PDB file of N, CA and C in Angstrom:
ATOM      1  N   UNK A   1      -2.425  17.830 -23.354  1.00  0.00           N
ATOM      2  CA  UNK A   1      -3.076  16.805 -24.155  1.00  0.00           C
ATOM      3  C   UNK A   1      -2.065  15.726 -24.546  1.00  0.00           C
ATOM      4  N   UNK A   2      -0.891  16.163 -24.959  1.00  0.00           N
ATOM      5  CA  UNK A   2       0.132  15.189 -25.358  1.00  0.00           C
ATOM      6  C   UNK A   2       0.527  14.292 -24.186  1.00  0.00           C
ATOM      7  N   UNK A   3       0.611  14.880 -23.004  1.00  0.00           N
ATOM      8  CA  UNK A   3       0.988  14.085 -21.827  1.00  0.00           C
ATOM      9  C   UNK A   3      -0.073  13.035 -21.521  1.00  0.00           C
ATOM     10  N   UNK A   4      -1.335  13.379 -21.648  1.00  0.00           N
ATOM     11  CA  UNK A   4      -2.398  12.394 -21.393  1.00  0.00           C
ATOM     12  C   UNK A   4      -2.397  11.293 -22.450  1.00  0.00           C
ATOM     13  N   UNK A   5      -2.116  11.636 -23.672  1.00  0.00           N
ATOM     14  CA  UNK A   5      -2.010  10.611 -24.716  1.00  0.00           C
ATOM     15  C   UNK A   5      -0.814   9.702 -24.445  1.00  0.00           C
ATOM     16  N   UNK A   6       0.259  10.277 -23.909  1.00  0.00           N
ATOM     17  CA  UNK A   6       1.426   9.485 -23.520  1.00  0.00           C
ATOM     18  C   UNK A   6       1.082   8.548 -22.354  1.00  0.00           C
ATOM     19  N   UNK A   7       0.299   9.035 -21.394  1.00  0.00           N
ATOM     20  CA  UNK A   7      -0.150   8.193 -20.281  1.00  0.00           C
ATOM     21  C   UNK A   7      -0.990   7.036 -20.813  1.00  0.00           C
ATOM     22  N   UNK A   8      -1.912   7.321 -21.720  1.00  0.00           N
ATOM     23  CA  UNK A   8      -2.772   6.269 -22.269  1.00  0.00           C
ATOM     24  C   UNK A   8      -1.950   5.206 -22.995  1.00  0.00           C
ATOM     25  N   UNK A   9      -0.983   5.638 -23.764  1.00  0.00           N
ATOM     26  CA  UNK A   9      -0.125   4.694 -24.477  1.00  0.00           C
ATOM     27  C   UNK A   9       0.688   3.846 -23.496  1.00  0.00           C
ATOM     28  N   UNK A  10       1.235   4.491 -22.478  1.00  0.00           N
ATOM     29  CA  UNK A  10       2.010   3.767 -21.473  1.00  0.00           C
ATOM     30  C   UNK A  10       1.121   2.801 -20.688  1.00  0.00           C
ATOM     31  N   UNK A  11      -0.110   3.186 -20.446  1.00  0.00           N
ATOM     32  CA  UNK A  11      -1.045   2.302 -19.745  1.00  0.00           C
ATOM     33  C   UNK A  11      -1.301   1.036 -20.561  1.00  0.00           C
ATOM     34  N   UNK A  12      -1.477   1.177 -21.860  1.00  0.00           N
ATOM     35  CA  UNK A  12      -1.729   0.000 -22.699  1.00  0.00           C
ATOM     36  C   UNK A  12      -0.518  -0.931 -22.716  1.00  0.00           C
ATOM     37  N   UNK A  13       0.672  -0.362 -22.773  1.00  0.00           N
ATOM     38  CA  UNK A  13       1.888  -1.172 -22.721  1.00  0.00           C
ATOM     39  C   UNK A  13       1.995  -1.876 -21.371  1.00  0.00           C
ATOM     40  N   UNK A  14       1.730  -1.139 -20.296  1.00  0.00           N
ATOM     41  CA  UNK A  14       1.767  -1.714 -18.955  1.00  0.00           C
ATOM     42  C   UNK A  14       0.766  -2.862 -18.836  1.00  0.00           C
ATOM     43  N   UNK A  15      -0.426  -2.652 -19.389  1.00  0.00           N
ATOM     44  CA  UNK A  15      -1.463  -3.678 -19.320  1.00  0.00           C
ATOM     45  C   UNK A  15      -1.014  -4.963 -20.032  1.00  0.00           C
ATOM     46  N   UNK A  16      -0.402  -4.826 -21.181  1.00  0.00           N
ATOM     47  CA  UNK A  16       0.076  -5.998 -21.919  1.00  0.00           C
ATOM     48  C   UNK A  16       1.103  -6.793 -21.125  1.00  0.00           C
ATOM     49  N   UNK A  17       1.898  -6.096 -20.336  1.00  0.00           N
ATOM     50  CA  UNK A  17       2.944  -6.758 -19.559  1.00  0.00           C
ATOM     51  C   UNK A  17       2.471  -7.261 -18.195  1.00  0.00           C
ATOM     52  N   UNK A  18       1.397  -6.669 -17.638  1.00  0.00           N
ATOM     53  CA  UNK A  18       0.996  -6.951 -16.265  1.00  0.00           C
ATOM     54  C   UNK A  18      -0.447  -7.402 -16.090  1.00  0.00           C
ATOM     55  N   UNK A  19      -1.222  -7.394 -17.158  1.00  0.00           N
ATOM     56  CA  UNK A  19      -2.633  -7.788 -17.125  1.00  0.00           C
ATOM     57  C   UNK A  19      -3.466  -6.935 -16.162  1.00  0.00           C
ATOM     58  N   UNK A  20      -3.043  -5.720 -15.940  1.00  0.00           N
ATOM     59  CA  UNK A  20      -3.775  -4.726 -15.163  1.00  0.00           C
ATOM     60  C   UNK A  20      -3.229  -3.358 -15.539  1.00  0.00           C
ATOM     61  N   UNK A  21      -3.995  -2.326 -15.279  1.00  0.00           N
ATOM     62  CA  UNK A  21      -3.507  -0.967 -15.538  1.00  0.00           C
ATOM     63  C   UNK A  21      -2.738  -0.452 -14.326  1.00  0.00           C
ATOM     64  N   UNK A  22      -1.781   0.425 -14.558  1.00  0.00           N
ATOM     65  CA  UNK A  22      -0.960   1.001 -13.494  1.00  0.00           C
ATOM     66  C   UNK A  22      -1.790   1.963 -12.653  1.00  0.00           C
ATOM     67  N   UNK A  23      -1.584   1.901 -11.359  1.00  0.00           N
ATOM     68  CA  UNK A  23      -2.311   2.771 -10.433  1.00  0.00           C
ATOM     69  C   UNK A  23      -1.577   4.083 -10.165  1.00  0.00           C
ATOM     70  N   UNK A  24      -0.294   4.141 -10.546  1.00  0.00           N
ATOM     71  CA  UNK A  24       0.485   5.358 -10.303  1.00  0.00           C
ATOM     72  C   UNK A  24       1.267   5.755 -11.553  1.00  0.00           C
ATOM     73  N   UNK A  25       1.569   7.019 -11.644  1.00  0.00           N
ATOM     74  CA  UNK A  25       2.395   7.505 -12.749  1.00  0.00           C
ATOM     75  C   UNK A  25       3.806   6.946 -12.655  1.00  0.00           C
ATOM     76  N   UNK A  26       4.283   6.725 -11.448  1.00  0.00           N
ATOM     77  CA  UNK A  26       5.634   6.181 -11.257  1.00  0.00           C
ATOM     78  C   UNK A  26       5.766   4.813 -11.920  1.00  0.00           C
ATOM     79  N   UNK A  27       4.717   4.017 -11.878  1.00  0.00           N
ATOM     80  CA  UNK A  27       4.752   2.700 -12.525  1.00  0.00           C
ATOM     81  C   UNK A  27       4.911   2.825 -14.034  1.00  0.00           C
ATOM     82  N   UNK A  28       4.497   3.961 -14.570  1.00  0.00           N
ATOM     83  CA  UNK A  28       4.592   4.214 -16.008  1.00  0.00           C
ATOM     84  C   UNK A  28       5.850   4.996 -16.361  1.00  0.00           C
ATOM     85  N   UNK A  29       6.618   5.363 -15.356  1.00  0.00           N
ATOM     86  CA  UNK A  29       7.818   6.179 -15.528  1.00  0.00           C
ATOM     87  C   UNK A  29       7.491   7.528 -16.170  1.00  0.00           C
ATOM     88  N   UNK A  30       6.376   8.106 -15.754  1.00  0.00           N
ATOM     89  CA  UNK A  30       5.958   9.435 -16.213  1.00  0.00           C
ATOM     90  C   UNK A  30       5.872  10.320 -14.974  1.00  0.00           C
ATOM     91  N   UNK A  31       6.555  11.441 -15.012  1.00  0.00           N
ATOM     92  CA  UNK A  31       6.576  12.296 -13.830  1.00  0.00           C
ATOM     93  C   UNK A  31       5.840  13.618 -14.013  1.00  0.00           C
ATOM     94  N   UNK A  32       5.831  14.154 -15.241  1.00  0.00           N
ATOM     95  CA  UNK A  32       5.200  15.454 -15.443  1.00  0.00           C
ATOM     96  C   UNK A  32       4.912  15.680 -16.927  1.00  0.00           C
ATOM     97  N   UNK A  33       4.267  16.795 -17.189  1.00  0.00           N
ATOM     98  CA  UNK A  33       4.060  17.211 -18.569  1.00  0.00           C
ATOM     99  C   UNK A  33       5.360  17.829 -19.081  1.00  0.00           C
ATOM    100  N   UNK A  34       5.438  18.024 -20.360  1.00  0.00           N
ATOM    101  CA  UNK A  34       6.686  18.504 -20.974  1.00  0.00           C
ATOM    102  C   UNK A  34       7.184  19.804 -20.348  1.00  0.00           C
ATOM    103  N   UNK A  35       6.311  20.772 -20.176  1.00  0.00           N
ATOM    104  CA  UNK A  35       6.711  22.058 -19.599  1.00  0.00           C
ATOM    105  C   UNK A  35       6.346  22.179 -18.125  1.00  0.00           C
ATOM    106  N   UNK A  36       5.795  21.117 -17.565  1.00  0.00           N
ATOM    107  CA  UNK A  36       5.407  21.075 -16.156  1.00  0.00           C
ATOM    108  C   UNK A  36       4.344  22.111 -15.812  1.00  0.00           C
ATOM    109  N   UNK A  37       3.461  22.424 -16.764  1.00  0.00           N
ATOM    110  CA  UNK A  37       2.378  23.372 -16.530  1.00  0.00           C
ATOM    111  C   UNK A  37       1.165  22.702 -15.881  1.00  0.00           C
ATOM    112  N   UNK A  38       1.057  21.391 -16.048  1.00  0.00           N
ATOM    113  CA  UNK A  38      -0.106  20.647 -15.563  1.00  0.00           C
ATOM    114  C   UNK A  38       0.309  19.576 -14.565  1.00  0.00           C
ATOM    115  N   UNK A  39      -0.586  19.290 -13.636  1.00  0.00           N
ATOM    116  CA  UNK A  39      -0.415  18.163 -12.722  1.00  0.00           C
ATOM    117  C   UNK A  39      -1.156  16.976 -13.326  1.00  0.00           C
ATOM    118  N   UNK A  40      -0.442  15.889 -13.530  1.00  0.00           N
ATOM    119  CA  UNK A  40      -1.048  14.668 -14.058  1.00  0.00           C
ATOM    120  C   UNK A  40      -1.481  13.784 -12.909  1.00  0.00           C
ATOM    121  N   UNK A  41      -2.531  13.006 -13.128  1.00  0.00           N
ATOM    122  CA  UNK A  41      -2.988  12.063 -12.108  1.00  0.00           C
ATOM    123  C   UNK A  41      -3.649  10.869 -12.773  1.00  0.00           C
ATOM    124  N   UNK A  42      -3.457   9.723 -12.186  1.00  0.00           N
ATOM    125  CA  UNK A  42      -4.258   8.557 -12.557  1.00  0.00           C
ATOM    126  C   UNK A  42      -5.386   8.523 -11.538  1.00  0.00           C
ATOM    127  N   UNK A  43      -6.579   8.790 -11.998  1.00  0.00           N
ATOM    128  CA  UNK A  43      -7.725   8.921 -11.106  1.00  0.00           C
ATOM    129  C   UNK A  43      -8.265   7.569 -10.649  1.00  0.00           C
ATOM    130  N   UNK A  44      -8.180   6.585 -11.525  1.00  0.00           N
ATOM    131  CA  UNK A  44      -8.590   5.227 -11.165  1.00  0.00           C
ATOM    132  C   UNK A  44      -7.901   4.262 -12.116  1.00  0.00           C
ATOM    133  N   UNK A  45      -7.648   3.059 -11.609  1.00  0.00           N
ATOM    134  CA  UNK A  45      -7.015   2.032 -12.436  1.00  0.00           C
ATOM    135  C   UNK A  45      -7.203   0.680 -11.763  1.00  0.00           C
ATOM    136  N   UNK A  46      -7.545  -0.307 -12.582  1.00  0.00           N
ATOM    137  CA  UNK A  46      -7.645  -1.680 -12.091  1.00  0.00           C
ATOM    138  C   UNK A  46      -7.465  -2.617 -13.275  1.00  0.00           C
ATOM    139  N   UNK A  47      -7.879  -3.824 -13.148  1.00  0.00           N
ATOM    140  CA  UNK A  47      -7.702  -4.811 -14.211  1.00  0.00           C
ATOM    141  C   UNK A  47      -8.574  -4.508 -15.439  1.00  0.00           C
ATOM    142  N   UNK A  48      -9.627  -3.726 -15.250  1.00  0.00           N
ATOM    143  CA  UNK A  48     -10.582  -3.478 -16.330  1.00  0.00           C
ATOM    144  C   UNK A  48     -10.440  -2.141 -17.037  1.00  0.00           C
ATOM    145  N   UNK A  49      -9.991  -1.117 -16.342  1.00  0.00           N
ATOM    146  CA  UNK A  49     -10.025   0.224 -16.930  1.00  0.00           C
ATOM    147  C   UNK A  49      -9.110   1.181 -16.174  1.00  0.00           C
ATOM    148  N   UNK A  50      -8.882   2.346 -16.780  1.00  0.00           N
ATOM    149  CA  UNK A  50      -8.170   3.431 -16.108  1.00  0.00           C
ATOM    150  C   UNK A  50      -8.762   4.752 -16.549  1.00  0.00           C
ATOM    151  N   UNK A  51      -8.544   5.775 -15.760  1.00  0.00           N
ATOM    152  CA  UNK A  51      -8.828   7.147 -16.159  1.00  0.00           C
ATOM    153  C   UNK A  51      -7.705   8.016 -15.627  1.00  0.00           C
ATOM    154  N   UNK A  52      -7.341   9.020 -16.402  1.00  0.00           N
ATOM    155  CA  UNK A  52      -6.256   9.925 -16.031  1.00  0.00           C
ATOM    156  C   UNK A  52      -6.687  11.354 -16.343  1.00  0.00           C
ATOM    157  N   UNK A  53      -6.097  12.294 -15.614  1.00  0.00           N
ATOM    158  CA  UNK A  53      -6.468  13.690 -15.813  1.00  0.00           C
ATOM    159  C   UNK A  53      -5.250  14.601 -15.727  1.00  0.00           C
ATOM    160  N   UNK A  54      -5.430  15.804 -16.240  1.00  0.00           N
ATOM    161  CA  UNK A  54      -4.416  16.846 -16.168  1.00  0.00           C
ATOM    162  C   UNK A  54      -5.116  18.142 -15.777  1.00  0.00           C
ATOM    163  N   UNK A  55      -4.598  18.783 -14.749  1.00  0.00           N
ATOM    164  CA  UNK A  55      -5.141  20.061 -14.297  1.00  0.00           C
ATOM    165  C   UNK A  55      -3.991  21.059 -14.188  1.00  0.00           C
ATOM    166  N   UNK A  56      -4.253  22.331 -14.509  1.00  0.00           N
ATOM    167  CA  UNK A  56      -3.179  23.336 -14.443  1.00  0.00           C
ATOM    168  C   UNK A  56      -2.620  23.454 -13.031  1.00  0.00           C
ATOM    169  N   UNK A  57      -1.313  23.604 -12.935  1.00  0.00           N
ATOM    170  CA  UNK A  57      -0.676  23.810 -11.630  1.00  0.00           C
ATOM    171  C   UNK A  57      -0.983  25.223 -11.134  1.00  0.00           C
ATOM    172  N   UNK A  58      -1.285  25.335  -9.860  1.00  0.00           N
ATOM    173  CA  UNK A  58      -1.574  26.618  -9.234  1.00  0.00           C
ATOM    174  C   UNK A  58      -0.405  27.570  -9.441  1.00  0.00           C
ATOM    175  N   UNK A  59      -0.720  28.768  -9.918  1.00  0.00           N
ATOM    176  CA  UNK A  59       0.305  29.780 -10.144  1.00  0.00           C
ATOM    177  C   UNK A  59       1.067  29.627 -11.444  1.00  0.00           C
ATOM    178  N   UNK A  60       0.820  28.531 -12.166  1.00  0.00           N
ATOM    179  CA  UNK A  60       1.491  28.300 -13.433  1.00  0.00           C
ATOM    180  C   UNK A  60       0.858  29.087 -14.562  1.00  0.00           C
ATOM    181  N   UNK A  61       1.475  29.075 -15.726  1.00  0.00           N
ATOM    182  CA  UNK A  61       0.973  29.861 -16.854  1.00  0.00           C
ATOM    183  C   UNK A  61      -0.393  29.408 -17.375  1.00  0.00           C
ATOM    184  N   UNK A  62      -0.803  28.198 -17.109  1.00  0.00           N
ATOM    185  CA  UNK A  62      -2.109  27.727 -17.587  1.00  0.00           C
ATOM    186  C   UNK A  62      -3.202  27.872 -16.530  1.00  0.00           C
ATOM    187  N   UNK A  63      -2.855  28.292 -15.328  1.00  0.00           N
ATOM    188  CA  UNK A  63      -3.815  28.385 -14.230  1.00  0.00           C
ATOM    189  C   UNK A  63      -4.982  29.319 -14.542  1.00  0.00           C
ATOM    190  N   UNK A  64      -4.759  30.305 -15.386  1.00  0.00           N
ATOM    191  CA  UNK A  64      -5.825  31.259 -15.714  1.00  0.00           C
ATOM    192  C   UNK A  64      -6.615  30.857 -16.962  1.00  0.00           C
ATOM    193  N   UNK A  65      -6.314  29.698 -17.539  1.00  0.00           N
ATOM    194  CA  UNK A  65      -7.046  29.232 -18.721  1.00  0.00           C
ATOM    195  C   UNK A  65      -8.414  28.741 -18.286  1.00  0.00           C
ATOM    196  N   UNK A  66      -9.408  29.608 -18.400  1.00  0.00           N
ATOM    197  CA  UNK A  66     -10.750  29.280 -17.929  1.00  0.00           C
ATOM    198  C   UNK A  66     -11.537  28.459 -18.947  1.00  0.00           C
ATOM    199  N   UNK A  67     -11.096  28.443 -20.199  1.00  0.00           N
ATOM    200  CA  UNK A  67     -11.808  27.674 -21.226  1.00  0.00           C
ATOM    201  C   UNK A  67     -11.489  26.186 -21.142  1.00  0.00           C
ATOM    202  N   UNK A  68     -10.252  25.850 -20.817  1.00  0.00           N
ATOM    203  CA  UNK A  68      -9.807  24.452 -20.738  1.00  0.00           C
ATOM    204  C   UNK A  68      -9.145  24.241 -19.384  1.00  0.00           C
ATOM    205  N   UNK A  69      -9.971  24.146 -18.348  1.00  0.00           N
ATOM    206  CA  UNK A  69      -9.461  24.068 -16.979  1.00  0.00           C
ATOM    207  C   UNK A  69      -8.953  22.681 -16.621  1.00  0.00           C
ATOM    208  N   UNK A  70      -9.458  21.642 -17.269  1.00  0.00           N
ATOM    209  CA  UNK A  70      -8.944  20.295 -17.000  1.00  0.00           C
ATOM    210  C   UNK A  70      -9.194  19.404 -18.205  1.00  0.00           C
ATOM    211  N   UNK A  71      -8.344  18.396 -18.330  1.00  0.00           N
ATOM    212  CA  UNK A  71      -8.429  17.427 -19.414  1.00  0.00           C
ATOM    213  C   UNK A  71      -8.455  16.027 -18.813  1.00  0.00           C
ATOM    214  N   UNK A  72      -9.058  15.081 -19.539  1.00  0.00           N
ATOM    215  CA  UNK A  72      -9.071  13.693 -19.063  1.00  0.00           C
ATOM    216  C   UNK A  72      -9.107  12.729 -20.248  1.00  0.00           C
ATOM    217  N   UNK A  73      -8.675  11.501 -19.968  1.00  0.00           N
ATOM    218  CA  UNK A  73      -8.714  10.414 -20.942  1.00  0.00           C
ATOM    219  C   UNK A  73      -8.959   9.134 -20.166  1.00  0.00           C
ATOM    220  N   UNK A  74      -9.588   8.161 -20.822  1.00  0.00           N
ATOM    221  CA  UNK A  74      -9.777   6.876 -20.145  1.00  0.00           C
ATOM    222  C   UNK A  74      -9.399   5.731 -21.069  1.00  0.00           C
ATOM    223  N   UNK A  75      -9.496   4.521 -20.547  1.00  0.00           N
ATOM    224  CA  UNK A  75      -9.044   3.339 -21.274  1.00  0.00           C
ATOM    225  C   UNK A  75      -9.853   3.045 -22.523  1.00  0.00           C
ATOM    226  N   UNK A  76     -11.038   3.585 -22.634  1.00  0.00           N
ATOM    227  CA  UNK A  76     -11.818   3.382 -23.850  1.00  0.00           C
ATOM    228  C   UNK A  76     -11.492   4.431 -24.906  1.00  0.00           C
ATOM    229  N   UNK A  77     -10.581   5.354 -24.565  1.00  0.00           N
ATOM    230  CA  UNK A  77     -10.190   6.399 -25.509  1.00  0.00           C
ATOM    231  C   UNK A  77     -11.056   7.630 -25.439  1.00  0.00           C
ATOM    232  N   UNK A  78     -11.948   7.685 -24.471  1.00  0.00           N
ATOM    233  CA  UNK A  78     -12.817   8.847 -24.322  1.00  0.00           C
ATOM    234  C   UNK A  78     -12.006  10.036 -23.822  1.00  0.00           C
ATOM    235  N   UNK A  79     -12.093  11.130 -24.562  1.00  0.00           N
ATOM    236  CA  UNK A  79     -11.422  12.376 -24.213  1.00  0.00           C
ATOM    237  C   UNK A  79     -12.456  13.327 -23.643  1.00  0.00           C
ATOM    238  N   UNK A  80     -12.080  14.077 -22.625  1.00  0.00           N
ATOM    239  CA  UNK A  80     -12.992  15.077 -22.090  1.00  0.00           C
ATOM    240  C   UNK A  80     -12.202  16.271 -21.583  1.00  0.00           C
ATOM    241  N   UNK A  81     -12.889  17.390 -21.454  1.00  0.00           N
ATOM    242  CA  UNK A  81     -12.303  18.613 -20.925  1.00  0.00           C
ATOM    243  C   UNK A  81     -13.419  19.445 -20.319  1.00  0.00           C
ATOM    244  N   UNK A  82     -13.068  20.176 -19.285  1.00  0.00           N
ATOM    245  CA  UNK A  82     -14.043  21.050 -18.652  1.00  0.00           C
ATOM    246  C   UNK A  82     -13.515  22.476 -18.609  1.00  0.00           C
ATOM    247  N   UNK A  83     -14.452  23.426 -18.563  1.00  0.00           N
ATOM    248  CA  UNK A  83     -14.069  24.825 -18.422  1.00  0.00           C
ATOM    249  C   UNK A  83     -13.962  25.163 -16.943  1.00  0.00           C
ATOM    250  N   UNK A  84     -13.663  26.402 -16.636  1.00  0.00           N
ATOM    251  CA  UNK A  84     -13.468  26.825 -15.256  1.00  0.00           C
ATOM    252  C   UNK A  84     -14.680  26.640 -14.370  1.00  0.00           C
ATOM    253  N   UNK A  85     -15.859  26.605 -14.948  1.00  0.00           N
ATOM    254  CA  UNK A  85     -17.080  26.399 -14.175  1.00  0.00           C
ATOM    255  C   UNK A  85     -17.497  24.945 -14.072  1.00  0.00           C
ATOM    256  N   UNK A  86     -16.690  24.055 -14.636  1.00  0.00           N
ATOM    257  CA  UNK A  86     -17.007  22.630 -14.593  1.00  0.00           C
ATOM    258  C   UNK A  86     -17.858  22.147 -15.748  1.00  0.00           C
ATOM    259  N   UNK A  87     -18.150  23.021 -16.701  1.00  0.00           N
ATOM    260  CA  UNK A  87     -18.950  22.637 -17.861  1.00  0.00           C
ATOM    261  C   UNK A  87     -18.127  21.905 -18.904  1.00  0.00           C
ATOM    262  N   UNK A  88     -18.780  21.060 -19.657  1.00  0.00           N
ATOM    263  CA  UNK A  88     -18.114  20.297 -20.708  1.00  0.00           C
ATOM    264  C   UNK A  88     -17.637  21.233 -21.817  1.00  0.00           C
ATOM    265  N   UNK A  89     -16.365  21.178 -22.117  1.00  0.00           N
ATOM    266  CA  UNK A  89     -15.789  21.975 -23.193  1.00  0.00           C
ATOM    267  C   UNK A  89     -14.855  21.106 -24.047  1.00  0.00           C
ATOM    268  N   UNK A  90     -15.210  19.821 -24.152  1.00  0.00           N
ATOM    269  CA  UNK A  90     -14.378  18.845 -24.834  1.00  0.00           C
ATOM    270  C   UNK A  90     -14.118  19.211 -26.291  1.00  0.00           C
ATOM    271  N   UNK A  91     -15.166  19.567 -27.014  1.00  0.00           N
ATOM    272  CA  UNK A  91     -14.991  19.819 -28.449  1.00  0.00           C
ATOM    273  C   UNK A  91     -14.079  21.011 -28.704  1.00  0.00           C
ATOM    274  N   UNK A  92     -14.074  21.997 -27.826  1.00  0.00           N
ATOM    275  CA  UNK A  92     -13.190  23.143 -27.991  1.00  0.00           C
ATOM    276  C   UNK A  92     -11.750  22.807 -27.595  1.00  0.00           C
ATOM    277  N   UNK A  93     -11.593  22.144 -26.454  1.00  0.00           N
ATOM    278  CA  UNK A  93     -10.257  21.920 -25.898  1.00  0.00           C
ATOM    279  C   UNK A  93      -9.471  20.820 -26.583  1.00  0.00           C
ATOM    280  N   UNK A  94     -10.133  19.783 -27.067  1.00  0.00           N
ATOM    281  CA  UNK A  94      -9.429  18.660 -27.696  1.00  0.00           C
ATOM    282  C   UNK A  94      -9.421  18.770 -29.220  1.00  0.00           C
ATOM    283  N   UNK A  95      -9.585  19.933 -29.771  1.00  0.00           N
ATOM    284  CA  UNK A  95      -9.605  20.055 -31.232  1.00  0.00           C
ATOM    285  C   UNK A  95      -8.246  20.008 -31.833  1.00  0.00           C
TER     286      UNK A  95
END
């Protein structure tokens, strides 16, 4: 969650300097989460909006977390999370 909030903050700074959102994590100088348990991705980005996600790395300590299988954030500040079956579990995971 902290890494996605860091991505969102970096995206806003990037936007102020470039009038568009960054399409890659490298443009934001972000390479991984603090403990490297999750894979970060910018799912979409353009002049109007961005969305980013974090999913547990295969074989990592969070890979078996079926309640919070993925997290996401977008340029409007919308937070979301899904469980292992793809169901919405935002209120539990982002508390």
